[in-house]
Amino acid sequence: VQRAFQYSDTLIITPAKTYDPADEFDQEYFEFGLFMSRREYKTTKRRMQAGRYAAVREGKWPFNKAPYGFDRVKLQGIKGWTLKLNDEAPVAQLIFSLFTGPDRIGLTGIKRYLNERKIKTRSGGTWTESTLRGILSNVVYDKKVAIGRRKILSKMIDGTPVKIRPRSDNYEIHKGLHPRLIGHEIFIEAQSHLGMNSFKLPASYSVKNPLAGIIVCSECKKKMIRRPASSN
């Protein structure tokens, strides 16, 4: 952009000074200003990212877009945002129920089930396996907030810089301030069914009951849930 101004003999007018790209001193001063601007931009970006991580550690929702089943709402009396359940929440609960219930069906079956009943995604489109997998593997439904799972990186592909979002095992998960949508045992069971295609969970998410999702009550037909005895 700077060279385009220089080759076209275009003056650059700013509140502080008018630069002539053809003038050697103005060109050097302008390049120094660009350098300082880039430094300030990176510093501001780091501060904003640190603020997002700090918000997650407090259980707040740091992102602009709310996940399916939730709306983003302002916290009362303190800075920050959290989530509240909306009209999509029953559909999200249905997805987990179909995926972990006694008559469990896979992602393709759930996709067909929702699309045949004209249940739309948030964007108004049809359901896909990848959309369902994103919901089933999202810790927000387990009353958690995660950050750093899909960092944006720049990579050269065929000589062209491309933005990519690889999955990372080095991320943070903290307890959220938003309401719980499903039970913890149900979420853990969903991850076990997703298997190797799911993202890596921290040690606190390990399955502590080897019979989780297997034992079913003969009377009510509900799955038995492990409830550790209180130490009090």
Protein backbone atom coordinates (compact mmCIF):
# COMPACT_ATOMS: atom_id res chain seq x y z
CA VAL A 1 0.00 0.00 0.00
CA GLN A 2 2.84 2.37 0.84
CA ARG A 3 4.52 1.74 -2.54
CA ALA A 4 1.21 2.32 -4.34
CA PHE A 5 1.04 5.81 -2.79
CA GLN A 6 4.67 6.43 -3.71
CA TYR A 7 4.36 5.36 -7.36
CA SER A 8 1.17 7.38 -7.86
CA ASP A 9 2.56 10.58 -6.23
CA THR A 10 -0.36 10.58 -3.76
CA LEU A 11 -0.06 12.66 -0.61
CA ILE A 12 -1.02 11.00 2.67
CA ILE A 13 -2.94 13.44 4.89
CA THR A 14 -3.16 12.65 8.61
CA PRO A 15 -4.25 14.82 11.58
CA ALA A 16 -0.61 15.20 12.64
CA LYS A 17 1.19 15.62 9.30
CA THR A 18 0.88 15.48 5.53
CA TYR A 19 3.30 12.92 4.09
CA ASP A 20 4.83 13.07 0.63
CA PRO A 21 5.89 9.50 -0.28
CA ALA A 22 8.32 10.90 -2.85
CA ASP A 23 10.22 12.73 -0.09
CA GLU A 24 12.93 10.56 1.50
CA PHE A 25 12.49 11.97 5.02
CA ASP A 26 8.69 11.74 4.88
CA GLN A 27 8.98 8.18 3.62
CA GLU A 28 11.28 7.18 6.50
CA TYR A 29 9.04 8.89 9.06
CA PHE A 30 5.97 7.22 7.59
CA GLU A 31 7.60 3.76 7.73
CA PHE A 32 8.49 4.34 11.39
CA GLY A 33 4.88 5.28 12.10
CA LEU A 34 3.67 2.08 10.45
CA PHE A 35 6.11 0.05 12.55
CA MET A 36 4.84 1.63 15.79
CA SER A 37 1.24 1.09 14.70
CA ARG A 38 1.87 -2.62 14.14
CA ARG A 39 3.45 -2.91 17.60
CA GLU A 40 0.48 -1.16 19.20
CA TYR A 41 -1.92 -3.42 17.30
CA LYS A 42 -0.17 -6.58 18.52
CA THR A 43 -0.04 -5.26 22.09
CA THR A 44 -3.76 -4.48 22.03
CA LYS A 45 -4.50 -7.91 20.57
CA ARG A 46 -2.52 -9.62 23.36
CA ARG A 47 -4.38 -7.61 26.01
CA MET A 48 -7.75 -8.57 24.52
CA GLN A 49 -6.76 -12.24 24.41
CA ALA A 50 -5.58 -12.09 28.04
CA GLY A 51 -8.95 -10.55 28.94
CA ARG A 52 -10.80 -13.45 27.28
CA TYR A 53 -8.77 -16.02 29.22
CA ALA A 54 -9.39 -14.11 32.46
CA ALA A 55 -13.13 -14.07 31.73
CA VAL A 56 -13.16 -17.85 31.14
CA ARG A 57 -11.38 -18.45 34.47
CA GLU A 58 -14.26 -16.56 36.11
CA GLY A 59 -16.82 -18.74 34.34
CA LYS A 60 -17.96 -16.01 31.93
CA TRP A 61 -18.69 -16.40 28.22
CA PRO A 62 -15.95 -14.50 26.29
CA PHE A 63 -17.14 -15.01 22.71
CA ASN A 64 -19.57 -12.98 20.60
CA LYS A 65 -21.58 -15.94 19.32
CA ALA A 66 -23.56 -18.13 21.72
CA PRO A 67 -23.66 -21.92 21.13
CA TYR A 68 -26.81 -23.69 19.99
CA GLY A 69 -29.40 -23.76 22.77
CA PHE A 70 -28.17 -20.58 24.45
CA ASP A 71 -28.41 -16.80 24.17
CA ARG A 72 -25.61 -14.45 25.21
CA VAL A 73 -26.70 -12.12 28.04
CA LYS A 74 -25.00 -9.35 30.02
CA LEU A 75 -24.14 -10.13 33.63
CA GLN A 76 -25.93 -7.96 36.16
CA GLY A 77 -23.76 -5.83 38.42
CA ILE A 78 -20.41 -7.01 37.05
CA LYS A 79 -18.54 -6.84 33.78
CA GLY A 80 -18.83 -9.65 31.32
CA TRP A 81 -21.33 -11.94 29.66
CA THR A 82 -22.85 -15.33 30.33
CA LEU A 83 -25.42 -17.63 28.67
CA LYS A 84 -29.07 -18.42 29.21
CA LEU A 85 -31.17 -21.23 27.76
CA ASN A 86 -33.42 -20.40 24.81
CA ASP A 87 -36.02 -22.19 22.67
CA GLU A 88 -33.30 -24.30 21.03
CA ALA A 89 -32.37 -25.97 24.36
CA PRO A 90 -34.93 -28.84 24.07
CA VAL A 91 -33.51 -29.75 20.66
CA ALA A 92 -29.97 -29.85 22.07
CA GLN A 93 -31.22 -32.07 24.92
CA LEU A 94 -32.97 -34.29 22.36
CA ILE A 95 -29.70 -34.70 20.43
CA PHE A 96 -27.91 -35.93 23.55
CA SER A 97 -30.86 -38.18 24.45
CA LEU A 98 -30.90 -39.83 21.02
CA PHE A 99 -27.13 -40.29 21.06
CA THR A 100 -26.92 -41.80 24.58
CA GLY A 101 -30.40 -43.28 25.20
CA PRO A 102 -31.31 -46.99 25.52
CA ASP A 103 -32.18 -47.08 21.80
CA ARG A 104 -29.09 -45.08 20.85
CA ILE A 105 -28.73 -43.97 17.23
CA GLY A 106 -25.65 -42.56 15.52
CA LEU A 107 -24.96 -39.18 13.99
CA THR A 108 -26.44 -40.12 10.61
CA GLY A 109 -29.62 -41.36 12.27
CA ILE A 110 -29.95 -38.20 14.36
CA LYS A 111 -29.39 -36.06 11.28
CA ARG A 112 -32.14 -37.90 9.44
CA TYR A 113 -34.46 -37.74 12.48
CA LEU A 114 -34.15 -33.95 12.80
CA ASN A 115 -34.30 -33.17 9.08
CA GLU A 116 -37.39 -35.37 8.53
CA ARG A 117 -39.20 -33.42 11.26
CA LYS A 118 -38.23 -30.08 9.67
CA ILE A 119 -36.20 -29.04 12.73
CA LYS A 120 -33.80 -26.39 11.47
CA THR A 121 -30.36 -25.39 12.65
CA ARG A 122 -29.81 -21.89 13.99
CA SER A 123 -28.93 -20.68 10.49
CA GLY A 124 -32.12 -22.22 9.10
CA GLY A 125 -30.29 -24.98 7.23
CA THR A 126 -30.35 -28.76 7.49
CA TRP A 127 -28.40 -30.80 10.02
CA THR A 128 -25.08 -32.46 9.20
CA GLU A 129 -22.87 -34.93 11.05
CA SER A 130 -20.23 -32.27 11.66
CA THR A 131 -22.79 -29.89 13.21
CA LEU A 132 -24.06 -32.63 15.52
CA ARG A 133 -20.52 -33.65 16.47
CA GLY A 134 -19.73 -30.04 17.37
CA ILE A 135 -22.73 -29.94 19.74
CA LEU A 136 -22.05 -33.33 21.34
CA SER A 137 -18.39 -32.50 22.00
CA ASN A 138 -18.94 -28.96 23.31
CA VAL A 139 -18.25 -28.73 27.05
CA VAL A 140 -20.59 -25.73 27.34
CA TYR A 141 -23.48 -28.21 27.67
CA ASP A 142 -21.71 -29.67 30.73
CA LYS A 143 -21.72 -26.23 32.41
CA LYS A 144 -18.12 -25.55 31.39
CA VAL A 145 -16.35 -22.89 29.32
CA ALA A 146 -13.36 -23.77 27.15
CA ILE A 147 -10.88 -21.53 25.36
CA GLY A 148 -7.90 -22.23 23.11
CA ARG A 149 -9.31 -25.36 21.43
CA ARG A 150 -9.18 -23.94 17.89
CA LYS A 151 -6.52 -21.24 17.66
CA ILE A 152 -6.27 -19.34 14.37
CA LEU A 153 -2.88 -19.82 12.72
CA SER A 154 -1.37 -18.66 9.42
CA LYS A 155 0.21 -21.26 7.16
CA MET A 156 1.74 -21.08 3.68
CA ILE A 157 -0.04 -23.43 1.25
CA ASP A 158 1.22 -23.42 -2.34
CA GLY A 159 2.86 -20.04 -1.74
CA THR A 160 -0.34 -18.44 -0.42
CA PRO A 161 -0.92 -17.53 3.26
CA VAL A 162 -4.01 -19.34 4.56
CA LYS A 163 -5.78 -19.09 7.91
CA ILE A 164 -6.24 -22.50 9.57
CA ARG A 165 -7.85 -23.60 12.85
CA PRO A 166 -6.24 -26.87 13.96
CA ARG A 167 -7.45 -28.64 17.09
CA SER A 168 -5.19 -28.17 20.09
CA ASP A 169 -4.77 -30.33 23.20
CA ASN A 170 -3.36 -27.34 25.08
CA TYR A 171 -6.48 -25.43 26.12
CA GLU A 172 -8.31 -24.42 29.29
CA ILE A 173 -11.66 -25.57 30.70
CA HIS A 174 -13.34 -23.89 33.66
CA LYS A 175 -16.72 -24.14 35.39
CA GLY A 176 -19.20 -21.75 33.80
CA LEU A 177 -21.75 -19.37 35.30
CA HIS A 178 -24.43 -20.46 32.81
CA PRO A 179 -27.11 -23.09 33.57
CA ARG A 180 -26.48 -26.78 32.95
CA LEU A 181 -28.24 -28.28 29.93
CA ILE A 182 -27.51 -32.00 30.45
CA GLY A 183 -26.13 -34.22 33.22
CA HIS A 184 -22.38 -34.72 33.55
CA GLU A 185 -22.67 -38.51 33.16
CA ILE A 186 -24.62 -38.07 29.92
CA PHE A 187 -21.94 -35.78 28.51
CA ILE A 188 -19.17 -38.24 29.45
CA GLU A 189 -21.11 -41.07 27.82
CA ALA A 190 -21.49 -39.01 24.64
CA GLN A 191 -17.71 -38.50 24.52
CA SER A 192 -17.13 -42.24 24.88
CA HIS A 193 -19.41 -42.87 21.88
CA LEU A 194 -17.67 -40.18 19.83
CA GLY A 195 -14.41 -42.05 20.53
CA MET A 196 -11.17 -41.09 18.82
CA ASN A 197 -12.92 -38.50 16.66
CA SER A 198 -13.69 -36.41 19.74
CA PHE A 199 -11.22 -33.86 21.11
CA LYS A 200 -8.93 -34.76 23.99
CA LEU A 201 -10.58 -34.20 27.38
CA PRO A 202 -8.67 -33.31 30.56
CA ALA A 203 -8.11 -35.92 33.26
CA SER A 204 -11.08 -34.61 35.29
CA TYR A 205 -13.37 -35.89 32.50
CA SER A 206 -12.20 -39.49 32.70
CA VAL A 207 -14.96 -42.09 33.02
CA LYS A 208 -14.93 -43.12 36.69
CA ASN A 209 -17.72 -45.68 36.32
CA PRO A 210 -16.83 -48.47 33.85
CA LEU A 211 -20.52 -49.45 33.66
CA ALA A 212 -21.66 -45.93 32.71
CA GLY A 213 -24.47 -46.13 30.16
CA ILE A 214 -24.68 -49.94 30.38
CA ILE A 215 -26.78 -50.71 33.46
CA VAL A 216 -30.48 -49.86 32.91
CA CYS A 217 -33.20 -50.00 35.57
CA SER A 218 -35.72 -52.73 34.79
CA GLU A 219 -38.57 -50.65 36.24
CA CYS A 220 -38.15 -47.11 34.87
CA LYS A 221 -35.80 -48.03 31.98
CA LYS A 222 -33.46 -45.18 32.91
CA LYS A 223 -29.69 -45.59 33.02
CA MET A 224 -28.07 -46.02 36.40
CA ILE A 225 -25.90 -43.03 37.42
CA ARG A 226 -22.90 -43.20 39.73
CA ARG A 227 -23.36 -40.96 42.78
CA PRO A 228 -20.26 -40.94 45.03
CA ALA A 229 -20.95 -40.79 48.76
CA SER A 230 -20.39 -37.41 50.39
CA SER A 231 -17.35 -37.07 52.67
CA ASN A 232 -19.45 -35.08 55.18
